[in-house]
Amino acid sequence: MTKKRFAESQIYRILQENEAGIPIQTLIKKYGVSQATIYNWKIKYGGMNISEIRRLNELEEENDRLKRMFADISLENMVLKGRLEKEK
């Protein structure tokens, strides 16, 4: 998983600045992000407080971990089934 450039608290602060009336163009220059990034953050995190953003990220990380676990177990299952077929 790639390391994110901004922490949840920083994203929350940037969105709060935008809600306070600072134009997006100013935020783009100040933080070195693209306009699309800010709009994606607004879509994903808009209306959330910092604890909700952290919880969302924890759930996404847990979901990724569970998906990897499922993929590993499925692969092991396929290998074992293949071995059983060869033995018959």
PDB file of N, CA and C in Angstrom:
ATOM      1  N   MET A   1       0.844  -1.164   0.000  1.00  0.00           N
ATOM      2  CA  MET A   1       0.000   0.000   0.000  1.00  0.00           C
ATOM      3  C   MET A   1       0.900   1.240   0.000  1.00  0.00           C
ATOM      4  N   THR A   2       0.552   2.201  -0.801  1.00  0.00           N
ATOM      5  CA  THR A   2       1.394   3.376  -0.917  1.00  0.00           C
ATOM      6  C   THR A   2       1.195   4.303   0.277  1.00  0.00           C
ATOM      7  N   LYS A   3       2.248   5.000   0.619  1.00  0.00           N
ATOM      8  CA  LYS A   3       2.186   5.950   1.714  1.00  0.00           C
ATOM      9  C   LYS A   3       1.522   7.220   1.207  1.00  0.00           C
ATOM     10  N   LYS A   4       0.580   7.695   1.974  1.00  0.00           N
ATOM     11  CA  LYS A   4      -0.124   8.902   1.587  1.00  0.00           C
ATOM     12  C   LYS A   4       0.707  10.122   1.965  1.00  0.00           C
ATOM     13  N   ARG A   5       0.610  11.133   1.144  1.00  0.00           N
ATOM     14  CA  ARG A   5       1.379  12.347   1.353  1.00  0.00           C
ATOM     15  C   ARG A   5       0.813  13.191   2.488  1.00  0.00           C
ATOM     16  N   PHE A   6      -0.496  13.167   2.650  1.00  0.00           N
ATOM     17  CA  PHE A   6      -1.154  13.963   3.670  1.00  0.00           C
ATOM     18  C   PHE A   6      -1.871  13.056   4.654  1.00  0.00           C
ATOM     19  N   ALA A   7      -1.757  13.382   5.936  1.00  0.00           N
ATOM     20  CA  ALA A   7      -2.469  12.651   6.986  1.00  0.00           C
ATOM     21  C   ALA A   7      -3.927  13.098   7.002  1.00  0.00           C
ATOM     22  N   GLU A   8      -4.741  12.328   7.710  1.00  0.00           N
ATOM     23  CA  GLU A   8      -6.158  12.660   7.781  1.00  0.00           C
ATOM     24  C   GLU A   8      -6.375  14.059   8.348  1.00  0.00           C
ATOM     25  N   SER A   9      -5.606  14.388   9.375  1.00  0.00           N
ATOM     26  CA  SER A   9      -5.782  15.701  10.003  1.00  0.00           C
ATOM     27  C   SER A   9      -5.427  16.827   9.037  1.00  0.00           C
ATOM     28  N   GLN A  10      -4.424  16.615   8.184  1.00  0.00           N
ATOM     29  CA  GLN A  10      -4.052  17.635   7.211  1.00  0.00           C
ATOM     30  C   GLN A  10      -5.138  17.791   6.148  1.00  0.00           C
ATOM     31  N   ILE A  11      -5.681  16.680   5.681  1.00  0.00           N
ATOM     32  CA  ILE A  11      -6.761  16.734   4.694  1.00  0.00           C
ATOM     33  C   ILE A  11      -7.959  17.470   5.286  1.00  0.00           C
ATOM     34  N   TYR A  12      -8.290  17.132   6.531  1.00  0.00           N
ATOM     35  CA  TYR A  12      -9.414  17.779   7.204  1.00  0.00           C
ATOM     36  C   TYR A  12      -9.180  19.285   7.308  1.00  0.00           C
ATOM     37  N   ARG A  13      -7.952  19.693   7.668  1.00  0.00           N
ATOM     38  CA  ARG A  13      -7.629  21.110   7.798  1.00  0.00           C
ATOM     39  C   ARG A  13      -7.731  21.827   6.451  1.00  0.00           C
ATOM     40  N   ILE A  14      -7.249  21.179   5.393  1.00  0.00           N
ATOM     41  CA  ILE A  14      -7.320  21.775   4.057  1.00  0.00           C
ATOM     42  C   ILE A  14      -8.777  21.979   3.638  1.00  0.00           C
ATOM     43  N   LEU A  15      -9.609  20.979   3.889  1.00  0.00           N
ATOM     44  CA  LEU A  15     -11.028  21.106   3.538  1.00  0.00           C
ATOM     45  C   LEU A  15     -11.713  22.173   4.387  1.00  0.00           C
ATOM     46  N   GLN A  16     -11.306  22.288   5.640  1.00  0.00           N
ATOM     47  CA  GLN A  16     -11.872  23.334   6.493  1.00  0.00           C
ATOM     48  C   GLN A  16     -11.486  24.716   5.986  1.00  0.00           C
ATOM     49  N   GLU A  17     -10.263  24.851   5.510  1.00  0.00           N
ATOM     50  CA  GLU A  17      -9.836  26.132   4.942  1.00  0.00           C
ATOM     51  C   GLU A  17     -10.691  26.489   3.733  1.00  0.00           C
ATOM     52  N   ASN A  18     -10.976  25.487   2.905  1.00  0.00           N
ATOM     53  CA  ASN A  18     -11.811  25.734   1.727  1.00  0.00           C
ATOM     54  C   ASN A  18     -13.221  26.123   2.135  1.00  0.00           C
ATOM     55  N   GLU A  19     -13.769  25.463   3.146  1.00  0.00           N
ATOM     56  CA  GLU A  19     -15.112  25.798   3.616  1.00  0.00           C
ATOM     57  C   GLU A  19     -15.156  27.185   4.244  1.00  0.00           C
ATOM     58  N   ALA A  20     -14.015  27.616   4.790  1.00  0.00           N
ATOM     59  CA  ALA A  20     -13.954  28.942   5.405  1.00  0.00           C
ATOM     60  C   ALA A  20     -13.888  30.054   4.363  1.00  0.00           C
ATOM     61  N   GLY A  21     -13.724  29.687   3.098  1.00  0.00           N
ATOM     62  CA  GLY A  21     -13.765  30.691   2.045  1.00  0.00           C
ATOM     63  C   GLY A  21     -12.475  30.882   1.275  1.00  0.00           C
ATOM     64  N   ILE A  22     -11.445  30.126   1.608  1.00  0.00           N
ATOM     65  CA  ILE A  22     -10.192  30.238   0.861  1.00  0.00           C
ATOM     66  C   ILE A  22     -10.393  29.556  -0.494  1.00  0.00           C
ATOM     67  N   PRO A  23     -10.093  30.238  -1.591  1.00  0.00           N
ATOM     68  CA  PRO A  23     -10.303  29.655  -2.918  1.00  0.00           C
ATOM     69  C   PRO A  23      -9.440  28.409  -3.144  1.00  0.00           C
ATOM     70  N   ILE A  24      -9.947  27.516  -3.964  1.00  0.00           N
ATOM     71  CA  ILE A  24      -9.241  26.266  -4.262  1.00  0.00           C
ATOM     72  C   ILE A  24      -7.897  26.550  -4.913  1.00  0.00           C
ATOM     73  N   GLN A  25      -7.831  27.563  -5.773  1.00  0.00           N
ATOM     74  CA  GLN A  25      -6.562  27.883  -6.439  1.00  0.00           C
ATOM     75  C   GLN A  25      -5.474  28.240  -5.424  1.00  0.00           C
ATOM     76  N   THR A  26      -5.852  28.929  -4.359  1.00  0.00           N
ATOM     77  CA  THR A  26      -4.893  29.273  -3.309  1.00  0.00           C
ATOM     78  C   THR A  26      -4.411  28.011  -2.594  1.00  0.00           C
ATOM     79  N   LEU A  27      -5.331  27.101  -2.315  1.00  0.00           N
ATOM     80  CA  LEU A  27      -4.970  25.849  -1.640  1.00  0.00           C
ATOM     81  C   LEU A  27      -4.067  24.988  -2.518  1.00  0.00           C
ATOM     82  N   ILE A  28      -4.328  25.008  -3.816  1.00  0.00           N
ATOM     83  CA  ILE A  28      -3.505  24.238  -4.757  1.00  0.00           C
ATOM     84  C   ILE A  28      -2.058  24.702  -4.688  1.00  0.00           C
ATOM     85  N   LYS A  29      -1.865  26.010  -4.710  1.00  0.00           N
ATOM     86  CA  LYS A  29      -0.510  26.555  -4.654  1.00  0.00           C
ATOM     87  C   LYS A  29       0.128  26.334  -3.284  1.00  0.00           C
ATOM     88  N   LYS A  30      -0.640  26.515  -2.241  1.00  0.00           N
ATOM     89  CA  LYS A  30      -0.123  26.419  -0.877  1.00  0.00           C
ATOM     90  C   LYS A  30       0.338  24.999  -0.524  1.00  0.00           C
ATOM     91  N   TYR A  31      -0.435  23.997  -0.934  1.00  0.00           N
ATOM     92  CA  TYR A  31      -0.137  22.618  -0.541  1.00  0.00           C
ATOM     93  C   TYR A  31       0.451  21.764  -1.661  1.00  0.00           C
ATOM     94  N   GLY A  32       0.499  22.281  -2.855  1.00  0.00           N
ATOM     95  CA  GLY A  32       1.101  21.551  -3.963  1.00  0.00           C
ATOM     96  C   GLY A  32       0.314  20.333  -4.401  1.00  0.00           C
ATOM     97  N   VAL A  33      -0.987  20.445  -4.380  1.00  0.00           N
ATOM     98  CA  VAL A  33      -1.849  19.354  -4.845  1.00  0.00           C
ATOM     99  C   VAL A  33      -2.620  19.836  -6.063  1.00  0.00           C
ATOM    100  N   SER A  34      -3.215  18.889  -6.768  1.00  0.00           N
ATOM    101  CA  SER A  34      -3.984  19.269  -7.946  1.00  0.00           C
ATOM    102  C   SER A  34      -5.416  19.612  -7.550  1.00  0.00           C
ATOM    103  N   GLN A  35      -6.083  20.267  -8.462  1.00  0.00           N
ATOM    104  CA  GLN A  35      -7.479  20.618  -8.241  1.00  0.00           C
ATOM    105  C   GLN A  35      -8.317  19.353  -8.112  1.00  0.00           C
ATOM    106  N   ALA A  36      -7.997  18.345  -8.903  1.00  0.00           N
ATOM    107  CA  ALA A  36      -8.726  17.079  -8.849  1.00  0.00           C
ATOM    108  C   ALA A  36      -8.587  16.425  -7.480  1.00  0.00           C
ATOM    109  N   THR A  37      -7.398  16.525  -6.889  1.00  0.00           N
ATOM    110  CA  THR A  37      -7.187  15.939  -5.568  1.00  0.00           C
ATOM    111  C   THR A  37      -8.101  16.582  -4.541  1.00  0.00           C
ATOM    112  N   ILE A  38      -8.191  17.885  -4.563  1.00  0.00           N
ATOM    113  CA  ILE A  38      -9.051  18.579  -3.601  1.00  0.00           C
ATOM    114  C   ILE A  38     -10.511  18.206  -3.824  1.00  0.00           C
ATOM    115  N   TYR A  39     -10.940  18.132  -5.063  1.00  0.00           N
ATOM    116  CA  TYR A  39     -12.318  17.747  -5.336  1.00  0.00           C
ATOM    117  C   TYR A  39     -12.574  16.296  -4.910  1.00  0.00           C
ATOM    118  N   ASN A  40     -11.596  15.410  -5.130  1.00  0.00           N
ATOM    119  CA  ASN A  40     -11.752  14.023  -4.680  1.00  0.00           C
ATOM    120  C   ASN A  40     -11.843  13.951  -3.158  1.00  0.00           C
ATOM    121  N   TRP A  41     -11.044  14.752  -2.469  1.00  0.00           N
ATOM    122  CA  TRP A  41     -11.128  14.804  -1.009  1.00  0.00           C
ATOM    123  C   TRP A  41     -12.499  15.307  -0.566  1.00  0.00           C
ATOM    124  N   LYS A  42     -13.008  16.315  -1.271  1.00  0.00           N
ATOM    125  CA  LYS A  42     -14.324  16.851  -0.913  1.00  0.00           C
ATOM    126  C   LYS A  42     -15.402  15.801  -1.098  1.00  0.00           C
ATOM    127  N   ILE A  43     -15.281  15.010  -2.163  1.00  0.00           N
ATOM    128  CA  ILE A  43     -16.258  13.957  -2.407  1.00  0.00           C
ATOM    129  C   ILE A  43     -16.159  12.878  -1.338  1.00  0.00           C
ATOM    130  N   LYS A  44     -14.942  12.486  -1.027  1.00  0.00           N
ATOM    131  CA  LYS A  44     -14.730  11.373  -0.105  1.00  0.00           C
ATOM    132  C   LYS A  44     -14.928  11.778   1.353  1.00  0.00           C
ATOM    133  N   TYR A  45     -14.402  12.940   1.744  1.00  0.00           N
ATOM    134  CA  TYR A  45     -14.390  13.322   3.153  1.00  0.00           C
ATOM    135  C   TYR A  45     -15.307  14.485   3.497  1.00  0.00           C
ATOM    136  N   GLY A  46     -15.992  15.040   2.517  1.00  0.00           N
ATOM    137  CA  GLY A  46     -16.827  16.205   2.767  1.00  0.00           C
ATOM    138  C   GLY A  46     -17.897  15.943   3.813  1.00  0.00           C
ATOM    139  N   GLY A  47     -18.013  16.832   4.775  1.00  0.00           N
ATOM    140  CA  GLY A  47     -19.023  16.703   5.813  1.00  0.00           C
ATOM    141  C   GLY A  47     -18.633  15.802   6.969  1.00  0.00           C
ATOM    142  N   MET A  48     -17.441  15.248   6.940  1.00  0.00           N
ATOM    143  CA  MET A  48     -16.992  14.371   8.020  1.00  0.00           C
ATOM    144  C   MET A  48     -16.127  15.164   8.987  1.00  0.00           C
ATOM    145  N   ASN A  49     -16.115  14.693  10.234  1.00  0.00           N
ATOM    146  CA  ASN A  49     -15.162  15.271  11.166  1.00  0.00           C
ATOM    147  C   ASN A  49     -13.923  14.369  11.200  1.00  0.00           C
ATOM    148  N   ILE A  50     -12.908  14.768  11.921  1.00  0.00           N
ATOM    149  CA  ILE A  50     -11.622  14.079  11.886  1.00  0.00           C
ATOM    150  C   ILE A  50     -11.727  12.645  12.395  1.00  0.00           C
ATOM    151  N   SER A  51     -12.538  12.397  13.403  1.00  0.00           N
ATOM    152  CA  SER A  51     -12.661  11.031  13.923  1.00  0.00           C
ATOM    153  C   SER A  51     -13.350  10.114  12.906  1.00  0.00           C
ATOM    154  N   GLU A  52     -14.311  10.643  12.168  1.00  0.00           N
ATOM    155  CA  GLU A  52     -14.972   9.851  11.133  1.00  0.00           C
ATOM    156  C   GLU A  52     -14.011   9.535   9.989  1.00  0.00           C
ATOM    157  N   ILE A  53     -13.152  10.497   9.632  1.00  0.00           N
ATOM    158  CA  ILE A  53     -12.168  10.272   8.574  1.00  0.00           C
ATOM    159  C   ILE A  53     -11.185   9.190   8.993  1.00  0.00           C
ATOM    160  N   ARG A  54     -10.721   9.255  10.243  1.00  0.00           N
ATOM    161  CA  ARG A  54      -9.800   8.221  10.739  1.00  0.00           C
ATOM    162  C   ARG A  54     -10.463   6.856  10.739  1.00  0.00           C
ATOM    163  N   ARG A  55     -11.707   6.791  11.178  1.00  0.00           N
ATOM    164  CA  ARG A  55     -12.429   5.515  11.210  1.00  0.00           C
ATOM    165  C   ARG A  55     -12.599   4.961   9.790  1.00  0.00           C
ATOM    166  N   LEU A  56     -12.920   5.829   8.844  1.00  0.00           N
ATOM    167  CA  LEU A  56     -13.069   5.403   7.453  1.00  0.00           C
ATOM    168  C   LEU A  56     -11.766   4.804   6.937  1.00  0.00           C
ATOM    169  N   ASN A  57     -10.642   5.479   7.203  1.00  0.00           N
ATOM    170  CA  ASN A  57      -9.349   4.976   6.745  1.00  0.00           C
ATOM    171  C   ASN A  57      -8.990   3.658   7.421  1.00  0.00           C
ATOM    172  N   GLU A  58      -9.323   3.510   8.714  1.00  0.00           N
ATOM    173  CA  GLU A  58      -9.075   2.242   9.403  1.00  0.00           C
ATOM    174  C   GLU A  58      -9.885   1.117   8.765  1.00  0.00           C
ATOM    175  N   LEU A  59     -11.139   1.404   8.453  1.00  0.00           N
ATOM    176  CA  LEU A  59     -11.990   0.395   7.818  1.00  0.00           C
ATOM    177  C   LEU A  59     -11.484   0.019   6.428  1.00  0.00           C
ATOM    178  N   GLU A  60     -10.999   1.013   5.672  1.00  0.00           N
ATOM    179  CA  GLU A  60     -10.452   0.725   4.346  1.00  0.00           C
ATOM    180  C   GLU A  60      -9.199  -0.140   4.445  1.00  0.00           C
ATOM    181  N   GLU A  61      -8.339   0.143   5.427  1.00  0.00           N
ATOM    182  CA  GLU A  61      -7.141  -0.668   5.615  1.00  0.00           C
ATOM    183  C   GLU A  61      -7.500  -2.088   6.033  1.00  0.00           C
ATOM    184  N   GLU A  62      -8.482  -2.221   6.928  1.00  0.00           N
ATOM    185  CA  GLU A  62      -8.917  -3.546   7.353  1.00  0.00           C
ATOM    186  C   GLU A  62      -9.521  -4.310   6.182  1.00  0.00           C
ATOM    187  N   ASN A  63     -10.299  -3.633   5.359  1.00  0.00           N
ATOM    188  CA  ASN A  63     -10.894  -4.259   4.190  1.00  0.00           C
ATOM    189  C   ASN A  63      -9.819  -4.760   3.226  1.00  0.00           C
ATOM    190  N   ASP A  64      -8.787  -3.944   2.992  1.00  0.00           N
ATOM    191  CA  ASP A  64      -7.677  -4.365   2.128  1.00  0.00           C
ATOM    192  C   ASP A  64      -6.972  -5.592   2.694  1.00  0.00           C
ATOM    193  N   ARG A  65      -6.753  -5.585   4.012  1.00  0.00           N
ATOM    194  CA  ARG A  65      -6.087  -6.715   4.661  1.00  0.00           C
ATOM    195  C   ARG A  65      -6.925  -7.990   4.518  1.00  0.00           C
ATOM    196  N   LEU A  66      -8.233  -7.877   4.718  1.00  0.00           N
ATOM    197  CA  LEU A  66      -9.112  -9.037   4.590  1.00  0.00           C
ATOM    198  C   LEU A  66      -9.168  -9.546   3.149  1.00  0.00           C
ATOM    199  N   LYS A  67      -9.150  -8.641   2.187  1.00  0.00           N
ATOM    200  CA  LYS A  67      -9.140  -9.051   0.778  1.00  0.00           C
ATOM    201  C   LYS A  67      -7.869  -9.828   0.443  1.00  0.00           C
ATOM    202  N   ARG A  68      -6.722  -9.359   0.965  1.00  0.00           N
ATOM    203  CA  ARG A  68      -5.466 -10.078   0.737  1.00  0.00           C
ATOM    204  C   ARG A  68      -5.495 -11.454   1.390  1.00  0.00           C
ATOM    205  N   MET A  69      -6.048 -11.512   2.610  1.00  0.00           N
ATOM    206  CA  MET A  69      -6.157 -12.800   3.293  1.00  0.00           C
ATOM    207  C   MET A  69      -7.023 -13.761   2.486  1.00  0.00           C
ATOM    208  N   PHE A  70      -8.147 -13.276   1.980  1.00  0.00           N
ATOM    209  CA  PHE A  70      -9.039 -14.112   1.191  1.00  0.00           C
ATOM    210  C   PHE A  70      -8.349 -14.603  -0.076  1.00  0.00           C
ATOM    211  N   ALA A  71      -7.619 -13.715  -0.723  1.00  0.00           N
ATOM    212  CA  ALA A  71      -6.907 -14.095  -1.942  1.00  0.00           C
ATOM    213  C   ALA A  71      -5.860 -15.173  -1.644  1.00  0.00           C
ATOM    214  N   ASP A  72      -5.127 -15.017  -0.543  1.00  0.00           N
ATOM    215  CA  ASP A  72      -4.120 -16.011  -0.171  1.00  0.00           C
ATOM    216  C   ASP A  72      -4.757 -17.361   0.120  1.00  0.00           C
ATOM    217  N   ILE A  73      -5.845 -17.365   0.870  1.00  0.00           N
ATOM    218  CA  ILE A  73      -6.518 -18.620   1.208  1.00  0.00           C
ATOM    219  C   ILE A  73      -7.106 -19.259  -0.041  1.00  0.00           C
ATOM    220  N   SER A  74      -7.681 -18.452  -0.935  1.00  0.00           N
ATOM    221  CA  SER A  74      -8.232 -18.992  -2.181  1.00  0.00           C
ATOM    222  C   SER A  74      -7.138 -19.634  -3.030  1.00  0.00           C
ATOM    223  N   LEU A  75      -5.981 -18.994  -3.091  1.00  0.00           N
ATOM    224  CA  LEU A  75      -4.860 -19.540  -3.852  1.00  0.00           C
ATOM    225  C   LEU A  75      -4.387 -20.866  -3.248  1.00  0.00           C
ATOM    226  N   GLU A  76      -4.265 -20.914  -1.924  1.00  0.00           N
ATOM    227  CA  GLU A  76      -3.875 -22.163  -1.264  1.00  0.00           C
ATOM    228  C   GLU A  76      -4.899 -23.259  -1.534  1.00  0.00           C
ATOM    229  N   ASN A  77      -6.170 -22.899  -1.505  1.00  0.00           N
ATOM    230  CA  ASN A  77      -7.237 -23.859  -1.766  1.00  0.00           C
ATOM    231  C   ASN A  77      -7.126 -24.412  -3.188  1.00  0.00           C
ATOM    232  N   MET A  78      -6.853 -23.552  -4.156  1.00  0.00           N
ATOM    233  CA  MET A  78      -6.719 -23.998  -5.542  1.00  0.00           C
ATOM    234  C   MET A  78      -5.528 -24.934  -5.691  1.00  0.00           C
ATOM    235  N   VAL A  79      -4.426 -24.615  -5.027  1.00  0.00           N
ATOM    236  CA  VAL A  79      -3.233 -25.462  -5.101  1.00  0.00           C
ATOM    237  C   VAL A  79      -3.525 -26.832  -4.505  1.00  0.00           C
ATOM    238  N   LEU A  80      -4.186 -26.859  -3.348  1.00  0.00           N
ATOM    239  CA  LEU A  80      -4.516 -28.137  -2.716  1.00  0.00           C
ATOM    240  C   LEU A  80      -5.476 -28.954  -3.570  1.00  0.00           C
ATOM    241  N   LYS A  81      -6.450 -28.323  -4.189  1.00  0.00           N
ATOM    242  CA  LYS A  81      -7.371 -29.035  -5.078  1.00  0.00           C
ATOM    243  C   LYS A  81      -6.625 -29.599  -6.280  1.00  0.00           C
ATOM    244  N   GLY A  82      -5.675 -28.827  -6.801  1.00  0.00           N
ATOM    245  CA  GLY A  82      -4.875 -29.312  -7.915  1.00  0.00           C
ATOM    246  C   GLY A  82      -4.052 -30.537  -7.531  1.00  0.00           C
ATOM    247  N   ARG A  83      -3.484 -30.534  -6.352  1.00  0.00           N
ATOM    248  CA  ARG A  83      -2.721 -31.689  -5.879  1.00  0.00           C
ATOM    249  C   ARG A  83      -3.608 -32.909  -5.706  1.00  0.00           C
ATOM    250  N   LEU A  84      -4.823 -32.713  -5.196  1.00  0.00           N
ATOM    251  CA  LEU A  84      -5.740 -33.836  -5.032  1.00  0.00           C
ATOM    252  C   LEU A  84      -6.143 -34.419  -6.367  1.00  0.00           C
ATOM    253  N   GLU A  85      -6.337 -33.582  -7.352  1.00  0.00           N
ATOM    254  CA  GLU A  85      -6.701 -34.051  -8.689  1.00  0.00           C
ATOM    255  C   GLU A  85      -5.566 -34.872  -9.297  1.00  0.00           C
ATOM    256  N   LYS A  86      -4.322 -34.455  -9.081  1.00  0.00           N
ATOM    257  CA  LYS A  86      -3.169 -35.173  -9.622  1.00  0.00           C
ATOM    258  C   LYS A  86      -3.019 -36.530  -8.945  1.00  0.00           C
ATOM    259  N   GLU A  87      -3.346 -36.635  -7.659  1.00  0.00           N
ATOM    260  CA  GLU A  87      -3.203 -37.888  -6.929  1.00  0.00           C
ATOM    261  C   GLU A  87      -4.244 -38.912  -7.354  1.00  0.00           C
ATOM    262  N   LYS A  88      -5.376 -38.494  -7.863  1.00  0.00           N
ATOM    263  CA  LYS A  88      -6.444 -39.422  -8.251  1.00  0.00           C
ATOM    264  C   LYS A  88      -6.156 -40.125  -9.522  1.00  0.00           C
TER     265      LYS A  88
END
